[in-house]
Amino acid sequence: MSKLRPINLCAVIVLAVSITVGVSHAAEPTADFYVSPAGDDDWSGKITQPNGTGTDGPFATLQRARDAVRDSAPDRAGDVLVLVRGGTYRLTETVVFGLQDSGHRDGKVTYAAYPDEKPVFSSGQAITDWQPVTTAPSGLPDKAFGKVQVANVSGRFHTLFDAEGMLPRSRSKGFIPLKGGSRNELHFPAGRLKDWPNVEDIEIVVRPHHAWIVNILPLKSVNEKKQIARTSIDATYAMNPLHFLKTTNSCWVENALEELDEPGEWALNTQTGKLYLWPRNDSPILAPRLKELIRIEGKIDKEGPRDIPVTNLCLRGLTFMHGERFSIAPDDAGLQHDWDMHDKANALVRLRGTELCRIQQCHFAHSGGSAIRVDLHGRYNAIDSNVIEHMGGAGILLCGYGPGTKDVNRENLVFNNHIHHTGRIHSHSPGIMLWQSGENRVANNLVHNTPYTGIILSGCMTDFFRRQGRELGRTIRRHEIASLPKNPQLEDVLPYLHTHDNQIELNEIHHAMEMLGDGNAIYVRGAGAGNVIR
């Protein structure tokens, strides 16, 4: 790697704190296309605002602007710029950019905020027709009656937002599980759980056995007499008292109506289609429709040796909000201790098969999942000068292929981002995580207020090459490591550990490890060689 020039740390800190999401008016050239909430997808998109006759003007959607850029490909040379006017854009489906949306070799395609304006992309759908609860449903606490409202809804969602941000679900007091549990069986103290009529709506939040992980597991059944609950998804480890913190309450129940006892809390019953909420303000209530808002995706050959990436695409100065929380699926493959999932659609903006793409000066806020993922093939991308705050999951994740010979997630730049209050739902989610990703530079980032670790570098511990299962075992590309001995040692697996030769430097991390245990400001385990932290 090239030698890096020293940077003044005081200047770095000031710059990281003072990141702005807007784009300087003086720096913006005339755009090729425009997008506006007041636009129309039948217009030309060549005009920044509707003309006086209302017959032409900007496009209304990002998708239409994308398609116009595609159509212009045969005639264009150099850079292409799409300016997005301020306002809120409600997304009902993920906006996908593919190979045909790449910039040409001699130029890039940029989707940027109009000078001094704030375009916001949100998947939040307003819930209306709220009614006061006039007859208390069974289980509603007395203190909530007269304060809770109800609305008819369809479908299932796990997060809810108002103008202040994410609303907390109804939550029970914590308790310590009884001994004898397993990955899908919880033994609980008498009276803590019930055989609810809508038991599949109720979730157990548990720190299973170890201090470094939180699982959110939907219930399958509850036997009150035997004090045994079963979950429909396995926990990472057996649901027993914590190994390190034996007197810590490590389990609680969410989304039960009888636990709705504080302003801001809510509970959803999908059997009756009723959403109950104790409002904390008068702002609109939004339910998310998407986990991914934007996906930039090349041609991925997961089992083969070569992918074809999207190239030279840039997002600048845009705001992304109100994504849905992800849930563990039966066929998921976990990263490290299931701190995230491999190749999972759980971030507001996801790069999946990209080179030379950039996310710059964007704002990610108040969402149930993560902010940014660079998955599988990801090289020479830059994630810089973004603000990421109040996320249910992680801030930034670089996630390559599992241990094997395919090493194509590397040489990316994560620079000058301000990341704080991650892990609002999945408490183990860090500010920045590199998994099977090498030769990256992670520098000048300000990371703070994380329930667990600030920055993670990990890959796969040697012992897991001998195991199956969700935690790491499913990520291993066994068709590429068939020559490994039956009981491999570190020197045998080291060529397949791609989190190597990263430079982690000049970052400021504070108020990490606010909730969980057995972690660090910067955590390194199962990584390859040559990583530098300074």
Protein backbone atom coordinates (compact mmCIF):
# COMPACT_ATOMS: atom_id res chain seq x y z
CA MET A 1 0.00 0.00 0.00
CA SER A 2 1.15 3.57 -0.57
CA LYS A 3 2.65 5.61 2.25
CA LEU A 4 0.09 7.90 3.88
CA ARG A 5 0.76 11.51 4.79
CA PRO A 6 0.34 12.37 8.51
CA ILE A 7 -2.81 14.31 9.35
CA ASN A 8 -3.31 16.88 12.11
CA LEU A 9 -5.58 15.16 14.63
CA CYS A 10 -7.10 18.38 15.98
CA ALA A 11 -8.13 19.37 12.50
CA VAL A 12 -9.55 15.90 11.93
CA ILE A 13 -11.76 16.10 15.02
CA VAL A 14 -13.06 19.55 14.14
CA LEU A 15 -13.79 18.43 10.57
CA ALA A 16 -15.55 15.26 11.69
CA VAL A 17 -17.78 17.14 14.11
CA SER A 18 -18.60 19.86 11.62
CA ILE A 19 -19.60 17.67 8.67
CA THR A 20 -22.46 19.27 6.74
CA VAL A 21 -24.93 17.41 4.62
CA GLY A 22 -25.61 20.20 2.15
CA VAL A 23 -23.65 20.90 -1.00
CA SER A 24 -21.97 24.22 -1.70
CA HIS A 25 -23.88 26.28 -4.24
CA ALA A 26 -20.70 27.54 -5.82
CA ALA A 27 -19.44 24.01 -6.49
CA GLU A 28 -22.54 22.80 -8.35
CA PRO A 29 -22.55 22.89 -12.15
CA THR A 30 -25.68 22.85 -14.25
CA ALA A 31 -27.30 19.43 -14.12
CA ASP A 32 -28.19 17.02 -16.88
CA PHE A 33 -31.46 16.12 -15.13
CA TYR A 34 -33.47 17.34 -12.16
CA VAL A 35 -35.82 15.64 -9.69
CA SER A 36 -38.40 17.41 -7.52
CA PRO A 37 -41.40 16.48 -5.34
CA ALA A 38 -43.30 18.93 -7.55
CA GLY A 39 -42.14 17.18 -10.70
CA ASP A 40 -43.76 14.77 -13.12
CA ASP A 41 -42.20 11.63 -14.60
CA ASP A 42 -43.82 12.49 -17.96
CA TRP A 43 -41.75 15.68 -18.20
CA SER A 44 -38.26 15.98 -19.69
CA GLY A 45 -36.41 16.34 -16.37
CA LYS A 46 -34.26 19.00 -18.02
CA ILE A 47 -35.79 21.93 -16.13
CA THR A 48 -35.13 22.60 -12.47
CA GLN A 49 -38.75 23.53 -11.64
CA PRO A 50 -42.13 23.35 -13.44
CA ASN A 51 -42.51 25.96 -16.18
CA GLY A 52 -45.28 28.51 -16.15
CA THR A 53 -47.59 26.44 -18.31
CA GLY A 54 -47.10 23.25 -16.30
CA THR A 55 -46.10 21.30 -19.40
CA ASP A 56 -42.48 20.61 -18.54
CA GLY A 57 -40.16 20.48 -15.58
CA PRO A 58 -38.21 18.08 -13.38
CA PHE A 59 -38.90 14.40 -12.87
CA ALA A 60 -40.81 13.31 -9.78
CA THR A 61 -38.83 10.19 -8.88
CA LEU A 62 -35.26 8.98 -8.65
CA GLN A 63 -36.23 5.93 -10.71
CA ARG A 64 -37.28 8.09 -13.64
CA ALA A 65 -34.05 10.06 -13.49
CA ARG A 66 -32.09 6.79 -13.43
CA ASP A 67 -33.91 5.61 -16.53
CA ALA A 68 -33.24 8.91 -18.32
CA VAL A 69 -29.53 8.56 -17.59
CA ARG A 70 -29.67 5.01 -18.96
CA ASP A 71 -31.36 6.21 -22.15
CA SER A 72 -28.71 8.89 -22.65
CA ALA A 73 -25.81 6.43 -22.45
CA PRO A 74 -25.12 6.08 -26.20
CA ASP A 75 -24.80 9.85 -26.64
CA ARG A 76 -23.01 10.91 -23.47
CA ALA A 77 -19.38 11.40 -22.58
CA GLY A 78 -17.81 12.57 -19.36
CA ASP A 79 -19.68 13.15 -16.11
CA VAL A 80 -23.45 13.07 -15.66
CA LEU A 81 -25.14 15.02 -12.85
CA VAL A 82 -28.67 14.61 -11.50
CA LEU A 83 -29.72 17.24 -8.97
CA VAL A 84 -32.45 16.36 -6.49
CA ARG A 85 -34.55 19.20 -5.09
CA GLY A 86 -35.40 19.43 -1.42
CA GLY A 87 -38.44 17.71 0.06
CA THR A 88 -39.48 14.21 1.06
CA TYR A 89 -39.60 11.30 -1.38
CA ARG A 90 -41.68 8.37 -0.13
CA LEU A 91 -40.33 5.09 -1.48
CA THR A 92 -42.55 2.04 -1.82
CA GLU A 93 -39.91 -0.10 -3.53
CA THR A 94 -36.13 -0.24 -3.46
CA VAL A 95 -34.45 1.90 -6.11
CA VAL A 96 -31.97 -0.43 -7.84
CA PHE A 97 -29.01 0.74 -9.93
CA GLY A 98 -27.43 -1.92 -12.15
CA LEU A 99 -24.60 -2.34 -14.63
CA GLN A 100 -26.32 -0.11 -17.17
CA ASP A 101 -26.21 2.74 -14.63
CA SER A 102 -22.42 2.80 -14.35
CA GLY A 103 -20.48 5.88 -15.27
CA HIS A 104 -18.37 5.64 -18.38
CA ARG A 105 -14.67 5.03 -18.02
CA ASP A 106 -13.94 8.73 -18.50
CA GLY A 107 -16.67 9.99 -16.16
CA LYS A 108 -19.02 9.27 -13.29
CA VAL A 109 -22.76 9.51 -12.72
CA THR A 110 -23.71 11.54 -9.64
CA TYR A 111 -27.06 11.90 -7.89
CA ALA A 112 -26.70 14.91 -5.61
CA ALA A 113 -28.70 17.31 -3.48
CA TYR A 114 -29.66 20.55 -5.17
CA PRO A 115 -27.51 23.37 -3.74
CA ASP A 116 -28.58 24.37 -0.21
CA GLU A 117 -31.57 22.00 -0.22
CA LYS A 118 -32.29 18.78 1.67
CA PRO A 119 -33.86 15.89 -0.26
CA VAL A 120 -35.04 13.14 2.09
CA PHE A 121 -35.72 9.56 0.99
CA SER A 122 -37.97 7.67 3.40
CA SER A 123 -39.87 4.40 3.32
CA GLY A 124 -42.16 5.61 6.10
CA GLN A 125 -45.87 5.36 5.36
CA ALA A 126 -48.17 7.55 7.44
CA ILE A 127 -50.68 5.72 9.62
CA THR A 128 -53.90 7.71 9.79
CA ASP A 129 -57.40 7.35 11.19
CA TRP A 130 -56.28 7.05 14.79
CA GLN A 131 -59.11 6.62 17.25
CA PRO A 132 -59.19 6.85 21.03
CA VAL A 133 -59.53 3.52 22.84
CA THR A 134 -62.97 3.75 24.40
CA THR A 135 -63.19 0.14 25.58
CA ALA A 136 -59.97 -1.18 27.06
CA PRO A 137 -58.79 -4.35 25.29
CA SER A 138 -57.82 -7.27 27.46
CA GLY A 139 -54.39 -6.74 28.99
CA LEU A 140 -54.07 -2.98 28.51
CA PRO A 141 -52.63 -1.46 31.73
CA ASP A 142 -54.98 0.80 33.68
CA LYS A 143 -52.51 3.71 33.51
CA ALA A 144 -52.60 3.58 29.69
CA PHE A 145 -56.38 3.67 29.35
CA GLY A 146 -57.51 7.08 28.11
CA LYS A 147 -54.08 7.81 26.68
CA VAL A 148 -53.68 5.03 24.10
CA GLN A 149 -54.98 5.35 20.55
CA VAL A 150 -55.69 2.58 18.06
CA ALA A 151 -55.51 2.34 14.27
CA ASN A 152 -56.40 -0.39 11.80
CA VAL A 153 -53.33 -1.60 9.89
CA SER A 154 -52.32 -4.47 7.64
CA GLY A 155 -49.16 -6.51 7.57
CA ARG A 156 -46.34 -6.80 10.10
CA PHE A 157 -43.68 -4.23 10.94
CA HIS A 158 -41.16 -4.05 13.75
CA THR A 159 -40.35 -0.35 13.91
CA LEU A 160 -42.39 2.85 14.11
CA PHE A 161 -41.38 6.50 13.89
CA ASP A 162 -42.60 9.96 14.81
CA ALA A 163 -40.93 13.35 14.34
CA GLU A 164 -38.53 12.65 17.23
CA GLY A 165 -37.31 9.38 15.74
CA MET A 166 -37.84 5.70 16.52
CA LEU A 167 -40.67 4.87 18.92
CA PRO A 168 -40.00 2.19 21.55
CA ARG A 169 -42.08 -0.98 21.46
CA SER A 170 -43.86 -2.05 24.61
CA ARG A 171 -41.32 -3.78 26.81
CA SER A 172 -41.49 -5.85 29.97
CA LYS A 173 -39.18 -5.64 32.94
CA GLY A 174 -36.03 -7.69 32.54
CA PHE A 175 -35.46 -11.06 34.13
CA ILE A 176 -32.83 -13.79 34.34
CA PRO A 177 -33.70 -17.00 32.46
CA LEU A 178 -33.76 -20.25 34.40
CA LYS A 179 -31.09 -22.83 33.67
CA GLY A 180 -31.79 -25.66 31.25
CA GLY A 181 -32.54 -23.58 28.15
CA SER A 182 -31.40 -24.30 24.61
CA ARG A 183 -31.16 -22.29 21.40
CA ASN A 184 -34.89 -22.49 20.77
CA GLU A 185 -36.20 -23.13 24.28
CA LEU A 186 -36.34 -20.59 27.10
CA HIS A 187 -37.03 -21.58 30.70
CA PHE A 188 -38.54 -18.57 32.44
CA PRO A 189 -39.51 -17.59 36.01
CA ALA A 190 -43.19 -18.08 36.86
CA GLY A 191 -45.47 -15.35 35.55
CA ARG A 192 -42.97 -13.71 33.24
CA LEU A 193 -44.46 -15.00 29.96
CA LYS A 194 -48.02 -15.84 28.93
CA ASP A 195 -49.68 -17.96 26.31
CA TRP A 196 -50.85 -14.88 24.43
CA PRO A 197 -53.59 -15.34 21.79
CA ASN A 198 -51.28 -13.61 19.30
CA VAL A 199 -48.14 -15.31 20.61
CA GLU A 200 -46.39 -15.12 17.21
CA ASP A 201 -46.46 -11.32 17.45
CA ILE A 202 -44.52 -11.39 20.71
CA GLU A 203 -40.72 -11.38 20.64
CA ILE A 204 -38.14 -12.36 23.22
CA VAL A 205 -35.10 -10.10 23.42
CA VAL A 206 -32.32 -12.11 25.02
CA ARG A 207 -28.60 -11.97 25.63
CA PRO A 208 -28.04 -15.71 25.28
CA HIS A 209 -25.37 -16.98 27.68
CA HIS A 210 -22.68 -14.51 26.57
CA ALA A 211 -22.38 -10.78 27.15
CA TRP A 212 -21.57 -9.76 23.57
CA ILE A 213 -24.76 -10.52 21.64
CA VAL A 214 -28.47 -9.70 21.68
CA ASN A 215 -31.01 -11.88 19.85
CA ILE A 216 -34.56 -10.82 18.94
CA LEU A 217 -36.60 -14.00 18.55
CA PRO A 218 -40.30 -14.43 17.70
CA LEU A 219 -42.18 -16.77 20.01
CA LYS A 220 -43.67 -19.98 18.72
CA SER A 221 -45.38 -21.20 21.90
CA VAL A 222 -45.53 -20.60 25.64
CA ASN A 223 -46.30 -23.26 28.27
CA GLU A 224 -47.10 -21.28 31.39
CA LYS A 225 -47.39 -24.37 33.60
CA LYS A 226 -44.01 -25.80 32.62
CA GLN A 227 -42.48 -22.30 32.33
CA ILE A 228 -41.05 -23.09 28.90
CA ALA A 229 -41.23 -20.88 25.80
CA ARG A 230 -40.15 -21.95 22.34
CA THR A 231 -38.95 -19.64 19.59
CA SER A 232 -39.39 -20.04 15.84
CA ILE A 233 -35.75 -18.98 15.19
CA ASP A 234 -32.72 -20.28 17.06
CA ALA A 235 -30.70 -18.02 19.33
CA THR A 236 -26.96 -17.76 18.73
CA TYR A 237 -26.27 -19.62 21.98
CA ALA A 238 -28.36 -21.43 24.57
CA MET A 239 -30.76 -19.11 26.41
CA ASN A 240 -29.33 -19.43 29.91
CA PRO A 241 -28.10 -16.93 32.53
CA LEU A 242 -25.17 -14.86 31.34
CA HIS A 243 -21.82 -16.58 31.69
CA PHE A 244 -19.94 -13.42 32.69
CA LEU A 245 -22.68 -11.32 34.35
CA LYS A 246 -24.71 -13.85 36.27
CA THR A 247 -26.83 -11.31 38.19
CA THR A 248 -27.73 -9.19 35.12
CA ASN A 249 -31.28 -9.27 33.80
CA SER A 250 -30.63 -10.59 30.30
CA CYS A 251 -34.10 -11.20 28.86
CA TRP A 252 -37.35 -9.31 28.33
CA VAL A 253 -40.53 -9.40 26.25
CA GLU A 254 -41.51 -6.88 23.55
CA ASN A 255 -44.77 -6.11 21.73
CA ALA A 256 -47.13 -7.45 24.42
CA LEU A 257 -50.12 -5.17 25.01
CA GLU A 258 -49.95 -5.46 28.80
CA GLU A 259 -46.46 -3.92 28.72
CA LEU A 260 -47.66 -0.76 26.95
CA ASP A 261 -47.31 1.57 29.94
CA GLU A 262 -45.17 4.55 28.88
CA PRO A 263 -45.59 7.49 26.44
CA GLY A 264 -44.20 6.63 23.03
CA GLU A 265 -44.70 2.87 23.38
CA TRP A 266 -46.70 0.81 20.92
CA ALA A 267 -47.85 -2.77 20.30
CA LEU A 268 -49.08 -4.48 17.12
CA ASN A 269 -51.59 -7.32 16.95
CA THR A 270 -51.50 -8.79 13.44
CA GLN A 271 -54.38 -11.17 14.17
CA THR A 272 -56.81 -8.29 14.71
CA GLY A 273 -54.96 -5.76 12.53
CA LYS A 274 -54.82 -3.31 15.44
CA LEU A 275 -51.94 -0.98 16.26
CA TYR A 276 -51.98 0.53 19.76
CA LEU A 277 -49.92 3.62 20.57
CA TRP A 278 -49.45 5.94 23.53
CA PRO A 279 -48.43 9.11 21.60
CA ARG A 280 -45.55 11.19 22.93
CA ASN A 281 -46.27 14.15 20.61
CA ASP A 282 -48.71 15.27 17.91
CA SER A 283 -46.53 14.47 14.90
CA PRO A 284 -47.46 11.98 12.16
CA ILE A 285 -46.74 8.30 12.81
CA LEU A 286 -44.80 6.41 10.13
CA ALA A 287 -44.40 2.67 9.58
CA PRO A 288 -41.51 1.57 7.33
CA ARG A 289 -42.11 -0.35 4.11
CA LEU A 290 -38.53 -1.16 3.11
CA LYS A 291 -35.27 -2.37 4.61
CA GLU A 292 -33.25 -1.17 1.60
CA LEU A 293 -33.93 2.22 0.06
CA ILE A 294 -31.11 2.19 -2.52
CA ARG A 295 -29.22 -0.81 -3.91
CA ILE A 296 -26.33 -0.52 -6.36
CA GLU A 297 -25.85 -4.03 -7.71
CA GLY A 298 -23.57 -5.57 -10.27
CA LYS A 299 -23.67 -9.06 -11.74
CA ILE A 300 -22.85 -11.39 -8.87
CA ASP A 301 -21.70 -14.98 -9.37
CA LYS A 302 -21.65 -16.16 -5.76
CA GLU A 303 -20.19 -19.59 -6.39
CA GLY A 304 -17.92 -18.62 -9.25
CA PRO A 305 -14.63 -16.73 -9.38
CA ARG A 306 -15.67 -13.47 -11.05
CA ASP A 307 -18.31 -10.76 -10.63
CA ILE A 308 -18.99 -7.78 -12.88
CA PRO A 309 -19.30 -4.60 -10.78
CA VAL A 310 -21.20 -1.35 -11.20
CA THR A 311 -18.63 1.45 -11.52
CA ASN A 312 -18.36 5.21 -11.09
CA LEU A 313 -21.70 5.93 -9.44
CA CYS A 314 -21.93 8.57 -6.72
CA LEU A 315 -24.59 9.59 -4.16
CA ARG A 316 -23.92 12.98 -2.59
CA GLY A 317 -25.74 15.15 -0.06
CA LEU A 318 -28.87 12.95 0.20
CA THR A 319 -30.73 12.00 3.36
CA PHE A 320 -32.05 8.48 4.04
CA MET A 321 -34.49 7.62 6.85
CA HIS A 322 -37.12 5.24 8.16
CA GLY A 323 -36.03 1.74 7.16
CA GLU A 324 -37.43 -1.44 8.67
CA ARG A 325 -35.57 -3.60 11.16
CA PHE A 326 -34.28 -6.93 9.90
CA SER A 327 -35.09 -10.29 11.46
CA ILE A 328 -33.01 -13.45 11.42
CA ALA A 329 -34.16 -15.95 8.78
CA PRO A 330 -33.69 -19.74 8.98
CA ASP A 331 -31.12 -19.81 6.17
CA ASP A 332 -29.08 -16.78 7.29
CA ALA A 333 -25.31 -17.01 7.69
CA GLY A 334 -23.96 -15.05 10.64
CA LEU A 335 -20.86 -12.85 10.80
CA GLN A 336 -18.59 -13.33 13.80
CA HIS A 337 -20.97 -13.99 16.72
CA ASP A 338 -24.06 -13.30 14.59
CA TRP A 339 -23.30 -9.58 14.94
CA ASP A 340 -24.66 -9.19 11.43
CA MET A 341 -25.73 -11.47 8.60
CA HIS A 342 -23.85 -12.28 5.41
CA ASP A 343 -25.14 -10.70 2.18
CA LYS A 344 -28.29 -9.48 3.95
CA ALA A 345 -30.64 -6.76 2.71
CA ASN A 346 -30.64 -4.76 5.93
CA ALA A 347 -29.09 -1.34 5.16
CA LEU A 348 -30.61 1.87 3.81
CA VAL A 349 -27.99 2.04 1.04
CA ARG A 350 -26.36 -1.18 -0.14
CA LEU A 351 -23.49 -1.61 -2.59
CA ARG A 352 -23.45 -5.21 -3.86
CA GLY A 353 -20.88 -5.66 -6.58
CA THR A 354 -19.31 -2.21 -7.02
CA GLU A 355 -16.05 -0.47 -7.87
CA LEU A 356 -15.16 3.21 -7.75
CA CYS A 357 -18.54 4.16 -6.30
CA ARG A 358 -18.92 6.84 -3.66
CA ILE A 359 -21.32 7.79 -0.88
CA GLN A 360 -20.43 11.30 0.20
CA GLN A 361 -21.90 13.97 2.49
CA CYS A 362 -25.09 11.94 2.98
CA HIS A 363 -27.17 11.77 6.13
CA PHE A 364 -28.55 8.51 7.56
CA ALA A 365 -30.88 8.81 10.53
CA HIS A 366 -33.64 7.15 12.55
CA SER A 367 -33.90 3.74 10.97
CA GLY A 368 -34.43 0.20 12.17
CA GLY A 369 -31.53 -1.36 10.28
CA SER A 370 -28.02 -0.33 9.26
CA ALA A 371 -26.92 2.68 7.22
CA ILE A 372 -24.43 1.46 4.57
CA ARG A 373 -23.24 -1.99 3.43
CA VAL A 374 -20.58 -2.82 0.83
CA ASP A 375 -21.25 -6.49 0.12
CA LEU A 376 -19.35 -9.24 -1.72
CA HIS A 377 -17.42 -7.60 -4.58
CA GLY A 378 -16.53 -4.11 -3.38
CA ARG A 379 -13.28 -2.41 -4.44
CA TYR A 380 -11.98 1.17 -4.56
CA ASN A 381 -15.24 2.56 -3.16
CA ALA A 382 -15.29 5.65 -0.92
CA ILE A 383 -17.63 6.31 1.98
CA ASP A 384 -16.75 9.73 3.24
CA SER A 385 -18.04 12.76 5.12
CA ASN A 386 -21.40 11.20 6.02
CA VAL A 387 -23.43 11.63 9.21
CA ILE A 388 -24.91 8.38 10.52
CA GLU A 389 -27.05 8.52 13.65
CA HIS A 390 -29.70 6.65 15.60
CA MET A 391 -29.61 3.41 13.68
CA GLY A 392 -31.15 0.13 14.82
CA GLY A 393 -28.14 -1.71 13.38
CA ALA A 394 -24.61 -0.82 12.30
CA GLY A 395 -23.22 2.33 10.75
CA ILE A 396 -20.96 1.02 7.97
CA LEU A 397 -20.27 -2.64 7.08
CA LEU A 398 -17.71 -3.87 4.55
CA CYS A 399 -18.62 -7.53 4.06
CA GLY A 400 -16.74 -9.69 1.56
CA TYR A 401 -17.12 -13.31 0.59
CA GLY A 402 -16.70 -15.97 3.25
CA PRO A 403 -13.35 -17.70 3.83
CA GLY A 404 -12.11 -19.10 0.53
CA THR A 405 -10.09 -17.99 -2.47
CA LYS A 406 -12.42 -15.21 -3.66
CA ASP A 407 -10.95 -12.02 -2.20
CA VAL A 408 -12.69 -9.07 -3.88
CA ASN A 409 -13.82 -6.79 -1.04
CA ARG A 410 -10.83 -4.50 -0.49
CA GLU A 411 -9.04 -1.20 -1.05
CA ASN A 412 -12.02 0.89 0.02
CA LEU A 413 -11.91 4.18 1.90
CA VAL A 414 -14.03 4.92 5.00
CA PHE A 415 -13.07 8.48 5.86
CA ASN A 416 -14.27 11.40 7.95
CA ASN A 417 -17.69 9.99 8.89
CA HIS A 418 -19.51 10.97 12.07
CA ILE A 419 -21.26 7.84 13.41
CA HIS A 420 -23.16 7.75 16.67
CA HIS A 421 -25.98 5.99 18.49
CA THR A 422 -25.85 2.77 16.50
CA GLY A 423 -27.31 -0.48 17.85
CA ARG A 424 -30.59 1.06 18.99
CA ILE A 425 -32.29 -2.33 18.33
CA HIS A 426 -29.52 -4.86 17.65
CA SER A 427 -27.32 -3.71 20.50
CA HIS A 428 -24.18 -5.50 19.33
CA SER A 429 -24.10 -3.52 16.06
CA PRO A 430 -20.91 -1.40 15.86
CA GLY A 431 -20.18 1.93 14.26
CA ILE A 432 -17.93 0.37 11.60
CA MET A 433 -17.34 -3.31 10.82
CA LEU A 434 -14.91 -4.92 8.40
CA TRP A 435 -15.55 -8.62 7.78
CA GLN A 436 -13.49 -10.51 5.20
CA SER A 437 -12.42 -7.17 3.77
CA GLY A 438 -8.81 -6.05 3.44
CA GLU A 439 -6.40 -3.32 2.41
CA ASN A 440 -8.95 -0.67 3.36
CA ARG A 441 -8.24 2.66 5.00
CA VAL A 442 -10.56 3.61 7.87
CA ALA A 443 -9.46 7.04 9.04
CA ASN A 444 -10.57 10.29 10.64
CA ASN A 445 -13.95 8.88 11.72
CA LEU A 446 -15.72 10.03 14.87
CA VAL A 447 -17.60 7.12 16.48
CA HIS A 448 -19.46 7.35 19.77
CA ASN A 449 -22.40 6.12 21.83
CA THR A 450 -22.41 2.48 20.80
CA PRO A 451 -23.90 -0.19 23.09
CA TYR A 452 -21.08 -2.52 22.10
CA THR A 453 -17.87 -2.00 20.11
CA GLY A 454 -16.96 1.08 18.09
CA ILE A 455 -14.98 -0.57 15.25
CA ILE A 456 -14.74 -4.31 14.48
CA LEU A 457 -12.23 -6.17 12.28
CA SER A 458 -13.06 -9.84 12.00
CA GLY A 459 -13.16 -12.85 9.73
CA CYS A 460 -13.35 -16.45 10.91
CA MET A 461 -11.69 -18.12 13.88
CA THR A 462 -9.81 -21.31 13.07
CA ASP A 463 -12.12 -23.49 15.13
CA PHE A 464 -15.12 -22.58 12.95
CA PHE A 465 -13.56 -24.21 9.90
CA ARG A 466 -14.46 -27.48 11.63
CA ARG A 467 -18.07 -26.45 12.40
CA GLN A 468 -21.37 -26.01 10.63
CA GLY A 469 -24.20 -23.77 11.82
CA ARG A 470 -25.32 -20.18 11.40
CA GLU A 471 -22.46 -18.50 13.26
CA LEU A 472 -19.67 -18.24 10.63
CA GLY A 473 -19.89 -21.88 9.51
CA ARG A 474 -22.34 -21.17 6.68
CA THR A 475 -20.17 -18.38 5.26
CA ILE A 476 -17.19 -20.65 4.51
CA ARG A 477 -16.67 -21.38 0.81
CA ARG A 478 -15.96 -25.05 1.34
CA HIS A 479 -15.70 -25.81 -2.37
CA GLU A 480 -12.63 -23.54 -2.44
CA ILE A 481 -10.87 -24.93 0.64
CA ALA A 482 -11.22 -28.66 0.03
CA SER A 483 -7.46 -29.13 0.43
CA LEU A 484 -7.50 -28.03 4.08
CA PRO A 485 -6.55 -30.74 6.61
CA LYS A 486 -9.31 -32.21 8.76
CA ASN A 487 -8.16 -30.26 11.81
CA PRO A 488 -6.67 -27.07 10.35
CA GLN A 489 -4.38 -24.75 12.28
CA LEU A 490 -4.08 -21.00 11.96
CA GLU A 491 -1.30 -21.21 9.37
CA ASP A 492 -3.56 -23.43 7.24
CA VAL A 493 -6.52 -21.03 7.18
CA LEU A 494 -4.62 -17.72 7.12
CA PRO A 495 -4.67 -17.46 3.28
CA TYR A 496 -8.49 -17.47 3.42
CA LEU A 497 -8.81 -14.71 6.04
CA HIS A 498 -9.27 -11.59 3.95
CA THR A 499 -9.49 -8.98 6.71
CA HIS A 500 -5.82 -8.17 6.27
CA ASP A 501 -3.55 -5.16 5.78
CA ASN A 502 -6.18 -2.63 6.84
CA GLN A 503 -5.10 0.78 8.12
CA ILE A 504 -7.27 1.93 11.02
CA GLU A 505 -5.90 5.32 11.97
CA LEU A 506 -6.68 8.71 13.44
CA ASN A 507 -10.20 7.78 14.50
CA GLU A 508 -11.81 9.16 17.64
CA ILE A 509 -13.97 6.72 19.61
CA HIS A 510 -15.72 7.50 22.87
CA HIS A 511 -18.66 6.19 24.87
CA ALA A 512 -18.37 2.70 23.44
CA MET A 513 -19.43 -0.42 25.41
CA GLU A 514 -22.41 1.39 26.94
CA MET A 515 -24.52 -1.73 27.45
CA LEU A 516 -22.96 -5.08 26.58
CA GLY A 517 -19.83 -6.82 27.87
CA ASP A 518 -16.59 -8.41 26.67
CA GLY A 519 -15.85 -5.89 23.94
CA ASN A 520 -13.64 -2.94 23.09
CA ALA A 521 -13.46 0.44 21.44
CA ILE A 522 -11.69 -1.44 18.60
CA TYR A 523 -12.13 -5.22 18.38
CA VAL A 524 -9.95 -7.56 16.29
CA ARG A 525 -10.52 -11.33 16.11
CA GLY A 526 -10.46 -13.93 13.36
CA ALA A 527 -8.80 -11.40 11.07
CA GLY A 528 -5.87 -11.92 8.74
CA ALA A 529 -2.37 -10.49 9.08
CA GLY A 530 -0.96 -7.02 8.63
CA ASN A 531 -3.70 -4.86 10.11
CA VAL A 532 -2.40 -1.58 11.55
CA ILE A 533 -4.18 0.41 14.25
CA ARG A 534 -2.72 3.77 15.14
